[in-house]
Amino acid sequence: MTHSKLNNFYSIYAKTALTLVSVITIGYIFILGKEILAPLMFSFLFAVFLMPVTRFFELKCKMTRAAAASLSVIILASVIITATYFLSAQISLFARQWPSFRQTYALTLTKIENWVTSNLHIDVTHQLKYINSETSGLTSSTPFIIGETVLSISSILFLFVFILIDTFFILYYRKLLMKFLIAIFKEHNIPAIADIAAQIKYVVTKYILALFFEIIAVATVCCIIFSLIGMRYALLLGLIMGILNLVPYFGIIAAYLLTILVTIGTGASGNTIFFMSLSVFIIHLSDSNILRPFLIGSRMKINAFVTLLGVVLGQMMWGVAGMLLAMPVIAICKILFDRIEIMKPWGMLLSEDKK
């Protein structure tokens, strides 16, 4: 092997090792800084989405930057609080009828036990006794559950306020942040930085709007169909279906399983369960293949494998927040990779395979 070939050989290994070390280091930093980075990422997305609104208040309404940023954040908070209140009201209605729901669920389990015993000749009495004992044991731990719930609500409220404050500061100091980025890089890179910033703004704004319309569309269709086939709590289940659909792949599965459990617990017939399952399947196919591509467009066409991997890694690092942030983060990375020469192969890896 010649000297030049040997150098190339070691150079490939050095680049591979450096890439692996960089990926592991970045992943470790993300895991370590979860409490700060996750809300900061939400704040960044909200700030990018609210930037046109803030600029409108500044230019058209002649408001100061602080007032415009504050009003934009107040509008965002009002929308989130209203949606949360409406969903909480539906959950409260369901919780008030929990005792009757539990009785119906126990009756359904008894019917399943009798059917399994008579048709499959399997004794499931022991298993059902174990389930009943575990279920009844929940009542003894009610104070603990209430305490945990109060702590969780407090944490969520603190996180919500933290995100709003961060969103305000990103909107207020957006010009300073842009100057900082320009100052870091050389002068001839300024057009590229401006182009990347414009692309990120476009993609994030379109993505959040697409998710908003997607939630409304999926939830509305589910509510209508669930009501037509005679399901109880159709409004609540439709809303859950629309919200959980935000998480690619796993969200619709979780929503479907929850809907199945509630439907069985309300004593619905087999026909109702069948039509509900069929409607969810058709809605998911229509959403994945027609609605979402139409709303999001071609700039966020990430291949399915990377999307699935991103959602799983996001859950491992940041939990539910990571699952929600996976798609926009991958899209932003793709924008950066496509415009940095040495990173273009990574951008190609994230893209759909062109036939």
Protein backbone atom coordinates (compact mmCIF):
# COMPACT_ATOMS: atom_id res chain seq x y z
CA MET A 1 0.00 0.00 0.00
CA THR A 2 1.45 3.40 -1.03
CA HIS A 3 1.93 6.27 1.39
CA SER A 4 -0.93 8.36 -0.14
CA LYS A 5 -3.36 5.43 -0.01
CA LEU A 6 -2.39 4.76 3.59
CA ASN A 7 -3.07 8.39 4.47
CA ASN A 8 -6.48 8.23 2.77
CA PHE A 9 -7.25 5.00 4.63
CA TYR A 10 -6.45 6.52 8.02
CA SER A 11 -8.23 9.75 7.05
CA ILE A 12 -11.50 7.86 6.49
CA TYR A 13 -11.21 6.18 9.89
CA ALA A 14 -10.37 9.50 11.56
CA LYS A 15 -13.42 11.20 10.01
CA THR A 16 -15.66 8.28 11.03
CA ALA A 17 -14.34 8.34 14.59
CA LEU A 18 -14.74 12.12 14.80
CA THR A 19 -18.32 11.89 13.51
CA LEU A 20 -19.23 9.19 16.05
CA VAL A 21 -17.64 11.11 18.92
CA SER A 22 -19.47 14.29 17.86
CA VAL A 23 -22.85 12.51 17.65
CA ILE A 24 -22.36 10.85 21.05
CA THR A 25 -21.22 14.13 22.65
CA ILE A 26 -24.16 16.11 21.24
CA GLY A 27 -26.60 13.38 22.33
CA TYR A 28 -25.12 13.34 25.84
CA ILE A 29 -25.37 17.14 26.09
CA PHE A 30 -29.01 16.96 24.98
CA ILE A 31 -29.80 14.33 27.63
CA LEU A 32 -27.90 16.24 30.33
CA GLY A 33 -29.54 19.57 29.46
CA LYS A 34 -33.07 18.21 29.00
CA GLU A 35 -34.65 20.49 31.62
CA ILE A 36 -33.35 23.62 29.85
CA LEU A 37 -33.01 22.61 26.19
CA ALA A 38 -36.50 21.07 25.76
CA PRO A 39 -38.47 24.18 26.84
CA LEU A 40 -35.94 26.37 25.02
CA MET A 41 -36.61 24.47 21.78
CA PHE A 42 -40.38 24.91 22.22
CA SER A 43 -39.78 28.61 22.87
CA PHE A 44 -37.68 28.90 19.71
CA LEU A 45 -40.41 27.27 17.59
CA PHE A 46 -43.12 29.46 19.10
CA ALA A 47 -40.97 32.59 18.66
CA VAL A 48 -40.33 31.80 14.98
CA PHE A 49 -44.05 31.18 14.51
CA LEU A 50 -45.01 34.44 16.27
CA MET A 51 -42.40 36.56 14.49
CA PRO A 52 -44.77 37.73 11.69
CA VAL A 53 -47.37 38.65 14.32
CA THR A 54 -44.81 40.60 16.34
CA ARG A 55 -43.58 42.43 13.24
CA PHE A 56 -47.16 43.30 12.33
CA PHE A 57 -47.69 44.90 15.75
CA GLU A 58 -44.40 46.79 15.44
CA LEU A 59 -44.83 48.08 11.88
CA LYS A 60 -48.59 48.47 11.46
CA CYS A 61 -49.69 49.19 15.02
CA LYS A 62 -46.58 51.28 15.86
CA MET A 63 -45.96 49.34 19.08
CA THR A 64 -42.61 49.08 20.82
CA ARG A 65 -40.71 45.82 20.47
CA ALA A 66 -41.37 44.89 24.11
CA ALA A 67 -45.11 45.59 23.81
CA ALA A 68 -45.39 43.70 20.51
CA ALA A 69 -43.53 40.68 21.90
CA SER A 70 -45.63 40.73 25.08
CA LEU A 71 -48.92 40.89 23.16
CA SER A 72 -47.84 38.04 20.88
CA VAL A 73 -46.97 35.86 23.88
CA ILE A 74 -50.29 36.76 25.56
CA ILE A 75 -52.19 35.67 22.44
CA LEU A 76 -50.26 32.38 22.38
CA ALA A 77 -50.93 31.79 26.09
CA SER A 78 -54.64 32.56 25.63
CA VAL A 79 -54.99 30.03 22.80
CA ILE A 80 -53.19 27.30 24.78
CA ILE A 81 -55.14 28.00 27.99
CA THR A 82 -58.48 27.99 26.13
CA ALA A 83 -57.69 24.68 24.44
CA THR A 84 -56.51 23.18 27.74
CA TYR A 85 -59.65 24.36 29.56
CA PHE A 86 -61.92 22.87 26.90
CA LEU A 87 -60.08 19.53 27.02
CA SER A 88 -60.08 19.55 30.84
CA ALA A 89 -63.85 20.10 30.86
CA GLN A 90 -64.33 16.99 28.71
CA ILE A 91 -61.99 14.96 30.93
CA SER A 92 -63.86 16.18 34.02
CA LEU A 93 -67.15 15.03 32.49
CA PHE A 94 -65.62 11.61 31.88
CA ALA A 95 -64.16 11.46 35.42
CA ARG A 96 -67.56 12.14 37.02
CA GLN A 97 -68.92 9.03 35.34
CA TRP A 98 -65.92 6.89 36.27
CA PRO A 99 -67.80 4.65 38.81
CA SER A 100 -70.38 3.58 36.22
CA PHE A 101 -67.62 3.17 33.65
CA ARG A 102 -65.72 0.89 36.04
CA GLN A 103 -68.81 -1.27 36.65
CA THR A 104 -69.44 -1.62 32.93
CA TYR A 105 -65.81 -2.52 32.36
CA ALA A 106 -65.97 -5.21 35.08
CA LEU A 107 -69.13 -6.61 33.47
CA THR A 108 -67.41 -6.69 30.08
CA LEU A 109 -64.44 -8.53 31.58
CA THR A 110 -66.84 -11.08 33.08
CA LYS A 111 -68.43 -11.64 29.67
CA ILE A 112 -64.99 -12.11 28.12
CA GLU A 113 -64.10 -14.57 30.89
CA ASN A 114 -67.26 -16.61 30.28
CA TRP A 115 -66.69 -16.63 26.51
CA VAL A 116 -63.04 -17.70 26.85
CA THR A 117 -63.92 -20.39 29.40
CA SER A 118 -66.79 -21.84 27.34
CA ASN A 119 -65.18 -21.61 23.89
CA LEU A 120 -61.45 -21.97 24.48
CA HIS A 121 -61.65 -24.02 27.71
CA ILE A 122 -59.09 -21.81 29.42
CA ASP A 123 -59.48 -21.00 33.10
CA VAL A 124 -58.86 -17.27 33.45
CA THR A 125 -60.42 -16.90 36.90
CA HIS A 126 -57.05 -16.67 38.64
CA GLN A 127 -55.83 -13.97 36.27
CA LEU A 128 -59.03 -11.93 36.66
CA LYS A 129 -58.82 -12.21 40.47
CA TYR A 130 -55.29 -10.84 40.26
CA ILE A 131 -56.45 -7.96 38.04
CA ASN A 132 -59.34 -7.17 40.40
CA SER A 133 -57.05 -7.23 43.45
CA GLU A 134 -54.60 -4.89 41.75
CA THR A 135 -57.41 -2.59 40.66
CA SER A 136 -58.94 -2.45 44.13
CA GLY A 137 -55.48 -1.73 45.54
CA LEU A 138 -55.48 1.56 43.67
CA THR A 139 -58.01 3.00 46.13
CA SER A 140 -55.57 2.59 49.04
CA SER A 141 -52.92 4.60 47.18
CA THR A 142 -55.28 7.43 46.24
CA PRO A 143 -53.57 10.05 48.50
CA PHE A 144 -50.21 9.22 46.90
CA ILE A 145 -51.71 9.51 43.40
CA ILE A 146 -53.31 12.87 44.28
CA GLY A 147 -49.97 14.14 45.63
CA GLU A 148 -48.15 13.06 42.48
CA THR A 149 -50.83 14.71 40.34
CA VAL A 150 -50.47 18.01 42.22
CA LEU A 151 -46.68 17.90 41.76
CA SER A 152 -47.08 17.10 38.05
CA ILE A 153 -49.50 20.00 37.54
CA SER A 154 -47.11 22.34 39.36
CA SER A 155 -44.22 21.20 37.14
CA ILE A 156 -46.31 21.67 33.99
CA LEU A 157 -47.36 25.18 35.05
CA PHE A 158 -43.75 26.13 35.82
CA LEU A 159 -42.64 24.72 32.46
CA PHE A 160 -45.43 26.61 30.67
CA VAL A 161 -44.43 29.93 32.28
CA PHE A 162 -40.76 29.23 31.51
CA ILE A 163 -41.57 28.60 27.83
CA LEU A 164 -43.60 31.82 27.60
CA ILE A 165 -40.80 33.88 29.18
CA ASP A 166 -38.21 32.37 26.85
CA THR A 167 -40.48 33.02 23.86
CA PHE A 168 -40.77 36.68 24.85
CA PHE A 169 -37.00 37.12 25.18
CA ILE A 170 -36.28 35.40 21.84
CA LEU A 171 -38.78 37.72 20.15
CA TYR A 172 -37.41 40.77 21.94
CA TYR A 173 -33.73 40.00 21.25
CA ARG A 174 -34.18 38.46 17.79
CA LYS A 175 -32.15 41.18 16.05
CA LEU A 176 -29.34 40.82 18.59
CA LEU A 177 -29.31 37.05 18.07
CA MET A 178 -29.12 37.56 14.29
CA LYS A 179 -26.21 40.00 14.70
CA PHE A 180 -24.48 37.44 16.90
CA LEU A 181 -24.77 34.75 14.21
CA ILE A 182 -23.50 37.13 11.54
CA ALA A 183 -20.57 38.17 13.75
CA ILE A 184 -19.50 34.54 14.28
CA PHE A 185 -19.18 33.72 10.59
CA LYS A 186 -17.21 35.46 7.87
CA GLU A 187 -18.71 38.29 5.86
CA HIS A 188 -19.10 36.28 2.65
CA ASN A 189 -21.33 33.81 4.54
CA ILE A 190 -23.93 36.46 5.43
CA PRO A 191 -26.22 35.71 2.40
CA ALA A 192 -26.15 32.00 3.28
CA ILE A 193 -27.04 32.75 6.92
CA ALA A 194 -29.92 34.99 5.84
CA ASP A 195 -31.16 32.28 3.46
CA ILE A 196 -30.98 29.59 6.18
CA ALA A 197 -32.84 31.84 8.64
CA ALA A 198 -35.57 32.55 6.06
CA GLN A 199 -35.94 28.84 5.25
CA ILE A 200 -36.17 27.88 8.94
CA LYS A 201 -38.77 30.59 9.51
CA TYR A 202 -40.82 29.38 6.54
CA VAL A 203 -40.64 25.69 7.48
CA VAL A 204 -41.40 26.20 11.19
CA THR A 205 -44.33 28.55 10.50
CA LYS A 206 -45.82 26.23 7.90
CA TYR A 207 -45.27 23.18 10.12
CA ILE A 208 -47.02 24.67 13.18
CA LEU A 209 -49.93 25.93 11.05
CA ALA A 210 -50.17 22.51 9.39
CA LEU A 211 -50.28 20.77 12.77
CA PHE A 212 -52.98 23.16 13.98
CA PHE A 213 -55.20 22.52 10.96
CA GLU A 214 -54.43 18.80 11.12
CA ILE A 215 -55.56 18.59 14.75
CA ILE A 216 -58.80 20.40 13.91
CA ALA A 217 -59.47 18.26 10.82
CA VAL A 218 -58.72 14.87 12.42
CA ALA A 219 -60.52 15.71 15.67
CA THR A 220 -63.59 17.04 13.83
CA VAL A 221 -63.89 14.00 11.54
CA CYS A 222 -63.36 11.60 14.46
CA CYS A 223 -65.96 13.38 16.62
CA ILE A 224 -68.54 13.28 13.81
CA ILE A 225 -67.94 9.60 12.96
CA PHE A 226 -67.81 8.51 16.61
CA SER A 227 -71.12 10.32 17.24
CA LEU A 228 -72.75 8.77 14.16
CA ILE A 229 -71.87 5.21 15.22
CA GLY A 230 -73.23 5.86 18.70
CA MET A 231 -70.05 5.99 20.80
CA ARG A 232 -70.12 7.62 24.22
CA TYR A 233 -67.61 10.40 24.97
CA ALA A 234 -67.28 10.94 21.21
CA LEU A 235 -66.12 14.55 21.66
CA LEU A 236 -63.40 13.67 24.18
CA LEU A 237 -62.14 10.68 22.20
CA GLY A 238 -62.12 12.69 18.97
CA LEU A 239 -60.05 15.43 20.62
CA ILE A 240 -57.60 12.88 22.03
CA MET A 241 -57.32 11.28 18.59
CA GLY A 242 -56.50 14.66 17.01
CA ILE A 243 -53.98 15.71 19.66
CA LEU A 244 -52.09 12.40 19.94
CA ASN A 245 -51.92 12.27 16.15
CA LEU A 246 -49.23 14.96 16.48
CA VAL A 247 -46.72 12.22 17.33
CA PRO A 248 -45.82 10.38 14.10
CA TYR A 249 -46.70 6.66 14.03
CA PHE A 250 -46.92 6.11 17.81
CA GLY A 251 -49.52 8.79 18.51
CA ILE A 252 -52.32 7.23 16.48
CA ILE A 253 -51.60 3.80 18.01
CA ALA A 254 -51.80 5.18 21.56
CA ALA A 255 -55.00 7.09 20.74
CA TYR A 256 -56.57 4.00 19.17
CA LEU A 257 -55.74 1.77 22.16
CA LEU A 258 -57.16 4.35 24.55
CA THR A 259 -60.31 4.64 22.44
CA ILE A 260 -60.69 0.85 22.40
CA LEU A 261 -60.43 0.68 26.20
CA VAL A 262 -63.00 3.43 26.72
CA THR A 263 -65.35 1.95 24.10
CA ILE A 264 -65.21 -1.49 25.73
CA GLY A 265 -65.67 0.09 29.15
CA THR A 266 -68.86 1.82 28.03
CA GLY A 267 -70.36 -1.52 27.01
CA ALA A 268 -70.38 -0.80 23.28
CA SER A 269 -71.35 -3.57 20.88
CA GLY A 270 -68.94 -5.45 18.65
CA ASN A 271 -70.30 -3.61 15.59
CA THR A 272 -69.51 -0.26 17.20
CA ILE A 273 -65.94 -1.34 17.96
CA PHE A 274 -65.51 -2.67 14.42
CA PHE A 275 -66.78 0.51 12.73
CA MET A 276 -64.70 2.64 15.11
CA SER A 277 -61.55 0.65 14.22
CA LEU A 278 -62.32 0.85 10.51
CA SER A 279 -62.95 4.60 10.65
CA VAL A 280 -59.70 5.24 12.57
CA PHE A 281 -57.77 3.20 9.99
CA ILE A 282 -59.30 5.13 7.06
CA ILE A 283 -58.78 8.50 8.77
CA HIS A 284 -55.13 7.67 9.49
CA LEU A 285 -54.49 6.61 5.87
CA SER A 286 -56.17 9.77 4.54
CA ASP A 287 -54.24 11.96 6.96
CA SER A 288 -50.84 10.37 6.28
CA ASN A 289 -51.12 10.18 2.49
CA ILE A 290 -53.30 13.17 1.57
CA LEU A 291 -53.84 15.76 4.30
CA ARG A 292 -50.39 15.97 5.91
CA PRO A 293 -48.39 16.07 2.62
CA PHE A 294 -50.77 18.75 1.31
CA LEU A 295 -50.48 20.91 4.44
CA ILE A 296 -46.76 20.54 5.09
CA GLY A 297 -45.57 20.56 1.48
CA SER A 298 -42.35 19.36 -0.09
CA ARG A 299 -39.87 21.18 2.14
CA MET A 300 -40.40 18.81 5.06
CA LYS A 301 -40.34 15.54 3.15
CA ILE A 302 -38.32 13.43 5.56
CA ASN A 303 -38.06 9.72 4.85
CA ALA A 304 -40.09 7.41 7.08
CA PHE A 305 -37.09 5.60 8.58
CA VAL A 306 -35.48 8.83 9.80
CA THR A 307 -38.84 10.05 11.15
CA LEU A 308 -39.37 6.83 13.11
CA LEU A 309 -35.79 6.85 14.39
CA GLY A 310 -36.09 10.52 15.35
CA VAL A 311 -39.29 9.94 17.33
CA VAL A 312 -37.75 6.98 19.20
CA LEU A 313 -34.52 8.87 19.98
CA GLY A 314 -36.53 11.94 20.98
CA GLN A 315 -38.55 9.86 23.44
CA MET A 316 -35.38 8.30 24.86
CA MET A 317 -33.74 11.71 25.40
CA TRP A 318 -36.61 14.08 26.24
CA GLY A 319 -39.70 11.90 26.70
CA VAL A 320 -42.98 13.14 25.22
CA ALA A 321 -41.42 16.55 24.49
CA GLY A 322 -38.77 14.84 22.37
CA MET A 323 -41.41 12.95 20.38
CA LEU A 324 -43.22 16.22 19.61
CA LEU A 325 -40.01 18.06 18.71
CA ALA A 326 -38.51 15.29 16.57
CA MET A 327 -40.02 16.35 13.24
CA PRO A 328 -39.27 20.11 13.38
CA VAL A 329 -35.74 19.48 14.68
CA ILE A 330 -35.03 17.00 11.86
CA ALA A 331 -36.45 19.50 9.33
CA ILE A 332 -34.21 22.29 10.67
CA CYS A 333 -31.19 19.95 10.56
CA LYS A 334 -32.03 19.11 6.94
CA ILE A 335 -32.09 22.81 6.02
CA LEU A 336 -28.65 23.26 7.60
CA PHE A 337 -27.21 20.11 6.03
CA ASP A 338 -28.46 21.01 2.53
CA ARG A 339 -26.66 24.37 2.66
CA ILE A 340 -23.35 23.28 4.19
CA GLU A 341 -21.13 21.63 1.61
CA ILE A 342 -19.50 19.00 3.83
CA MET A 343 -22.89 18.10 5.40
CA LYS A 344 -24.81 17.60 2.15
CA PRO A 345 -24.57 13.77 2.32
CA TRP A 346 -26.39 13.91 5.67
CA GLY A 347 -29.09 16.09 4.14
CA MET A 348 -29.47 13.56 1.35
CA LEU A 349 -29.82 10.79 3.96
CA LEU A 350 -32.75 12.62 5.59
CA SER A 351 -34.59 13.19 2.29
CA GLU A 352 -37.12 11.00 0.53
CA ASP A 353 -35.65 8.63 -2.05
CA LYS A 354 -36.39 10.13 -5.47
CA LYS A 355 -37.69 7.47 -7.83
